[in-house]
Amino acid sequence: GHEQLLKMMEERMMDVEQKLRLVKRLLQDKVNQLKEQLSKNTKADAMVKDLYVENAQLLKALEMTEQRQKTAEKKNYLLEEKIANLNKIVKNLASPAFNS
């Protein structure tokens, strides 16, 4: 009985060791998977930061372009007013010449 009990204990011990090796292998696979995910997340985080900076630069450039457009529109309006006034002056100058 003692020998048989010892043999059963030995078999159970080997079974437990085998299960532990399997669990260890599964845990190592999970660790590797999580390391890979962490690496991907780190790269994605860096890309998001780069995009954030690029977006800020593009918004600033857009703001400056819109400001230049407003300035150009104002100058254009003023030039059109000057042209209209010059046309009136030319018309008034030409009017007496035609009348005489």
N, C-alpha and C. Protein backbone atom coordinates (compact mmCIF):
# COMPACT_ATOMS: atom_id res chain seq x y z
N GLY A 1 0.82 -1.20 0.00
CA GLY A 1 0.00 0.00 0.00
C GLY A 1 0.85 1.25 0.00
N HIS A 2 1.95 1.15 0.74
CA HIS A 2 2.83 2.31 0.85
C HIS A 2 3.49 2.62 -0.49
N GLU A 3 3.97 1.59 -1.20
CA GLU A 3 4.60 1.75 -2.52
C GLU A 3 3.60 2.33 -3.52
N GLN A 4 2.37 1.79 -3.47
CA GLN A 4 1.33 2.25 -4.41
C GLN A 4 0.97 3.71 -4.13
N LEU A 5 0.87 4.08 -2.88
CA LEU A 5 0.57 5.45 -2.50
C LEU A 5 1.69 6.39 -2.99
N LEU A 6 2.93 5.92 -2.83
CA LEU A 6 4.08 6.70 -3.28
C LEU A 6 4.05 6.88 -4.79
N LYS A 7 3.71 5.82 -5.52
CA LYS A 7 3.63 5.87 -6.98
C LYS A 7 2.52 6.82 -7.43
N MET A 8 1.35 6.77 -6.76
CA MET A 8 0.23 7.67 -7.09
C MET A 8 0.64 9.13 -6.85
N MET A 9 1.32 9.36 -5.74
CA MET A 9 1.78 10.71 -5.42
C MET A 9 2.76 11.20 -6.48
N GLU A 10 3.63 10.31 -6.93
CA GLU A 10 4.62 10.65 -7.95
C GLU A 10 3.93 10.99 -9.26
N GLU A 11 2.93 10.19 -9.64
CA GLU A 11 2.18 10.44 -10.88
C GLU A 11 1.43 11.77 -10.80
N ARG A 12 0.82 12.02 -9.65
CA ARG A 12 0.12 13.30 -9.47
C ARG A 12 1.09 14.47 -9.55
N MET A 13 2.27 14.29 -8.98
CA MET A 13 3.29 15.32 -9.01
C MET A 13 3.72 15.60 -10.44
N MET A 14 3.93 14.55 -11.24
CA MET A 14 4.32 14.71 -12.65
C MET A 14 3.20 15.40 -13.43
N ASP A 15 1.97 15.02 -13.13
CA ASP A 15 0.81 15.63 -13.79
C ASP A 15 0.74 17.12 -13.47
N VAL A 16 0.94 17.46 -12.19
CA VAL A 16 0.93 18.87 -11.78
C VAL A 16 2.06 19.64 -12.46
N GLU A 17 3.25 19.03 -12.54
CA GLU A 17 4.39 19.68 -13.20
C GLU A 17 4.09 19.93 -14.67
N GLN A 18 3.47 18.94 -15.32
CA GLN A 18 3.12 19.09 -16.73
C GLN A 18 2.12 20.24 -16.92
N LYS A 19 1.11 20.30 -16.04
CA LYS A 19 0.12 21.37 -16.11
C LYS A 19 0.77 22.72 -15.85
N LEU A 20 1.71 22.77 -14.91
CA LEU A 20 2.41 24.02 -14.62
C LEU A 20 3.23 24.49 -15.82
N ARG A 21 3.90 23.53 -16.52
CA ARG A 21 4.66 23.90 -17.72
C ARG A 21 3.74 24.46 -18.79
N LEU A 22 2.56 23.85 -18.93
CA LEU A 22 1.58 24.32 -19.91
C LEU A 22 1.11 25.74 -19.55
N VAL A 23 0.80 25.93 -18.27
CA VAL A 23 0.36 27.25 -17.82
C VAL A 23 1.47 28.28 -18.02
N LYS A 24 2.70 27.90 -17.72
CA LYS A 24 3.85 28.80 -17.90
C LYS A 24 3.99 29.19 -19.38
N ARG A 25 3.83 28.21 -20.27
CA ARG A 25 3.93 28.48 -21.71
C ARG A 25 2.81 29.42 -22.15
N LEU A 26 1.59 29.15 -21.66
CA LEU A 26 0.47 30.02 -22.01
C LEU A 26 0.69 31.45 -21.49
N LEU A 27 1.19 31.55 -20.26
CA LEU A 27 1.46 32.88 -19.70
C LEU A 27 2.55 33.61 -20.49
N GLN A 28 3.57 32.87 -20.91
CA GLN A 28 4.64 33.48 -21.70
C GLN A 28 4.10 33.98 -23.04
N ASP A 29 3.21 33.19 -23.66
CA ASP A 29 2.58 33.62 -24.91
C ASP A 29 1.79 34.92 -24.69
N LYS A 30 1.07 34.96 -23.58
CA LYS A 30 0.28 36.15 -23.27
C LYS A 30 1.19 37.36 -23.03
N VAL A 31 2.29 37.14 -22.31
CA VAL A 31 3.26 38.22 -22.06
C VAL A 31 3.79 38.75 -23.39
N ASN A 32 4.16 37.84 -24.29
CA ASN A 32 4.68 38.25 -25.61
C ASN A 32 3.62 39.04 -26.39
N GLN A 33 2.39 38.55 -26.32
CA GLN A 33 1.29 39.23 -27.01
C GLN A 33 1.09 40.65 -26.45
N LEU A 34 1.14 40.77 -25.12
CA LEU A 34 0.96 42.09 -24.49
C LEU A 34 2.12 43.02 -24.79
N LYS A 35 3.34 42.48 -24.85
CA LYS A 35 4.51 43.31 -25.21
C LYS A 35 4.35 43.86 -26.62
N GLU A 36 3.89 42.99 -27.52
CA GLU A 36 3.68 43.40 -28.92
C GLU A 36 2.61 44.49 -28.99
N GLN A 37 1.52 44.29 -28.23
CA GLN A 37 0.45 45.28 -28.20
C GLN A 37 0.94 46.61 -27.64
N LEU A 38 1.76 46.54 -26.59
CA LEU A 38 2.32 47.76 -26.00
C LEU A 38 3.18 48.51 -27.02
N SER A 39 3.97 47.75 -27.77
CA SER A 39 4.81 48.35 -28.80
C SER A 39 3.95 49.06 -29.86
N LYS A 40 2.89 48.37 -30.29
CA LYS A 40 1.98 48.97 -31.29
C LYS A 40 1.31 50.21 -30.73
N ASN A 41 0.88 50.14 -29.46
CA ASN A 41 0.22 51.28 -28.83
C ASN A 41 1.16 52.47 -28.71
N THR A 42 2.43 52.19 -28.39
CA THR A 42 3.43 53.26 -28.27
C THR A 42 3.62 53.95 -29.62
N LYS A 43 3.71 53.14 -30.69
CA LYS A 43 3.86 53.72 -32.04
C LYS A 43 2.63 54.53 -32.41
N ALA A 44 1.45 53.99 -32.11
CA ALA A 44 0.21 54.70 -32.43
C ALA A 44 0.13 56.01 -31.64
N ASP A 45 0.56 55.99 -30.39
CA ASP A 45 0.56 57.19 -29.56
C ASP A 45 1.47 58.26 -30.16
N ALA A 46 2.64 57.83 -30.61
CA ALA A 46 3.58 58.78 -31.23
C ALA A 46 2.97 59.36 -32.51
N MET A 47 2.29 58.51 -33.29
CA MET A 47 1.66 58.99 -34.52
C MET A 47 0.55 59.99 -34.21
N VAL A 48 -0.23 59.71 -33.17
CA VAL A 48 -1.30 60.64 -32.78
C VAL A 48 -0.71 61.99 -32.39
N LYS A 49 0.39 61.95 -31.62
CA LYS A 49 1.03 63.21 -31.21
C LYS A 49 1.53 63.98 -32.43
N ASP A 50 2.16 63.25 -33.39
CA ASP A 50 2.64 63.90 -34.61
C ASP A 50 1.47 64.52 -35.39
N LEU A 51 0.37 63.78 -35.49
CA LEU A 51 -0.80 64.29 -36.21
C LEU A 51 -1.39 65.51 -35.51
N TYR A 52 -1.37 65.49 -34.18
CA TYR A 52 -1.88 66.62 -33.41
C TYR A 52 -1.06 67.88 -33.71
N VAL A 53 0.27 67.72 -33.72
CA VAL A 53 1.16 68.85 -34.02
C VAL A 53 0.95 69.33 -35.45
N GLU A 54 0.88 68.37 -36.39
CA GLU A 54 0.68 68.72 -37.80
C GLU A 54 -0.66 69.45 -37.98
N ASN A 55 -1.69 68.97 -37.29
CA ASN A 55 -3.00 69.59 -37.38
C ASN A 55 -2.95 71.03 -36.87
N ALA A 56 -2.25 71.24 -35.77
CA ALA A 56 -2.12 72.60 -35.22
C ALA A 56 -1.41 73.51 -36.22
N GLN A 57 -0.37 72.98 -36.88
CA GLN A 57 0.36 73.78 -37.88
C GLN A 57 -0.54 74.10 -39.08
N LEU A 58 -1.33 73.11 -39.51
CA LEU A 58 -2.23 73.34 -40.64
C LEU A 58 -3.31 74.36 -40.29
N LEU A 59 -3.82 74.29 -39.06
CA LEU A 59 -4.83 75.27 -38.63
C LEU A 59 -4.24 76.68 -38.63
N LYS A 60 -3.00 76.81 -38.16
CA LYS A 60 -2.34 78.12 -38.15
C LYS A 60 -2.15 78.63 -39.58
N ALA A 61 -1.72 77.73 -40.47
CA ALA A 61 -1.54 78.12 -41.88
C ALA A 61 -2.87 78.54 -42.51
N LEU A 62 -3.93 77.80 -42.18
CA LEU A 62 -5.26 78.14 -42.70
C LEU A 62 -5.70 79.51 -42.19
N GLU A 63 -5.46 79.75 -40.91
CA GLU A 63 -5.81 81.05 -40.30
C GLU A 63 -5.09 82.19 -41.03
N MET A 64 -3.79 81.99 -41.28
CA MET A 64 -3.00 83.03 -41.96
C MET A 64 -3.50 83.24 -43.38
N THR A 65 -3.84 82.14 -44.06
CA THR A 65 -4.34 82.24 -45.43
C THR A 65 -5.67 82.98 -45.47
N GLU A 66 -6.54 82.66 -44.51
CA GLU A 66 -7.83 83.37 -44.45
C GLU A 66 -7.62 84.85 -44.18
N GLN A 67 -6.66 85.18 -43.33
CA GLN A 67 -6.37 86.58 -43.02
C GLN A 67 -5.87 87.30 -44.28
N ARG A 68 -4.98 86.61 -45.02
CA ARG A 68 -4.48 87.21 -46.28
C ARG A 68 -5.61 87.42 -47.28
N GLN A 69 -6.53 86.45 -47.32
CA GLN A 69 -7.66 86.57 -48.25
C GLN A 69 -8.53 87.78 -47.88
N LYS A 70 -8.79 87.95 -46.58
CA LYS A 70 -9.59 89.11 -46.14
C LYS A 70 -8.90 90.41 -46.52
N THR A 71 -7.58 90.46 -46.30
CA THR A 71 -6.82 91.66 -46.66
C THR A 71 -6.90 91.92 -48.16
N ALA A 72 -6.74 90.86 -48.95
CA ALA A 72 -6.80 91.00 -50.41
C ALA A 72 -8.19 91.47 -50.85
N GLU A 73 -9.22 90.93 -50.20
CA GLU A 73 -10.60 91.34 -50.54
C GLU A 73 -10.81 92.82 -50.22
N LYS A 74 -10.28 93.29 -49.07
CA LYS A 74 -10.40 94.70 -48.70
C LYS A 74 -9.69 95.59 -49.73
N LYS A 75 -8.46 95.18 -50.09
CA LYS A 75 -7.70 95.97 -51.08
C LYS A 75 -8.43 96.00 -52.41
N ASN A 76 -8.99 94.86 -52.79
CA ASN A 76 -9.74 94.77 -54.05
C ASN A 76 -10.94 95.71 -54.03
N TYR A 77 -11.66 95.71 -52.89
CA TYR A 77 -12.83 96.58 -52.75
C TYR A 77 -12.42 98.05 -52.87
N LEU A 78 -11.31 98.40 -52.18
CA LEU A 78 -10.84 99.79 -52.23
C LEU A 78 -10.42 100.17 -53.66
N LEU A 79 -9.76 99.24 -54.36
CA LEU A 79 -9.36 99.51 -55.75
C LEU A 79 -10.58 99.69 -56.64
N GLU A 80 -11.61 98.88 -56.42
CA GLU A 80 -12.83 99.02 -57.22
C GLU A 80 -13.50 100.37 -56.96
N GLU A 81 -13.47 100.81 -55.70
CA GLU A 81 -14.02 102.13 -55.37
C GLU A 81 -13.24 103.24 -56.07
N LYS A 82 -11.89 103.11 -56.05
CA LYS A 82 -11.04 104.12 -56.71
C LYS A 82 -11.32 104.15 -58.21
N ILE A 83 -11.47 102.95 -58.80
CA ILE A 83 -11.77 102.88 -60.24
C ILE A 83 -13.10 103.55 -60.54
N ALA A 84 -14.10 103.27 -59.70
CA ALA A 84 -15.42 103.89 -59.89
C ALA A 84 -15.32 105.41 -59.79
N ASN A 85 -14.54 105.91 -58.79
CA ASN A 85 -14.36 107.36 -58.62
C ASN A 85 -13.61 107.97 -59.80
N LEU A 86 -12.57 107.25 -60.27
CA LEU A 86 -11.82 107.75 -61.44
C LEU A 86 -12.72 107.80 -62.68
N ASN A 87 -13.57 106.79 -62.82
CA ASN A 87 -14.50 106.78 -63.96
C ASN A 87 -15.45 107.98 -63.91
N LYS A 88 -15.91 108.32 -62.68
CA LYS A 88 -16.78 109.49 -62.51
C LYS A 88 -16.04 110.76 -62.91
N ILE A 89 -14.76 110.88 -62.44
CA ILE A 89 -13.96 112.06 -62.76
C ILE A 89 -13.76 112.17 -64.26
N VAL A 90 -13.40 111.05 -64.90
CA VAL A 90 -13.19 111.07 -66.36
C VAL A 90 -14.48 111.46 -67.08
N LYS A 91 -15.59 110.92 -66.60
CA LYS A 91 -16.88 111.23 -67.20
C LYS A 91 -17.21 112.71 -67.06
N ASN A 92 -16.95 113.25 -65.84
CA ASN A 92 -17.20 114.69 -65.60
C ASN A 92 -16.28 115.57 -66.43
N LEU A 93 -15.03 115.14 -66.60
CA LEU A 93 -14.08 115.92 -67.40
C LEU A 93 -14.45 115.86 -68.89
N ALA A 94 -14.89 114.67 -69.28
CA ALA A 94 -15.24 114.51 -70.69
C ALA A 94 -16.56 115.19 -71.02
N SER A 95 -17.43 115.30 -70.08
CA SER A 95 -18.76 115.88 -70.29
C SER A 95 -18.71 117.31 -70.81
N PRO A 96 -17.95 118.23 -70.19
CA PRO A 96 -17.88 119.60 -70.72
C PRO A 96 -17.24 119.64 -72.10
N ALA A 97 -16.30 118.76 -72.35
CA ALA A 97 -15.63 118.76 -73.65
C ALA A 97 -16.62 118.39 -74.74
N PHE A 98 -17.52 117.43 -74.44
CA PHE A 98 -18.54 117.02 -75.43
C PHE A 98 -19.60 118.12 -75.61
N ASN A 99 -19.86 118.85 -74.52
CA ASN A 99 -20.90 119.86 -74.57
C ASN A 99 -20.48 121.09 -75.39
N SER A 100 -19.16 121.36 -75.44
CA SER A 100 -18.74 122.56 -76.14
C SER A 100 -18.38 122.36 -77.57
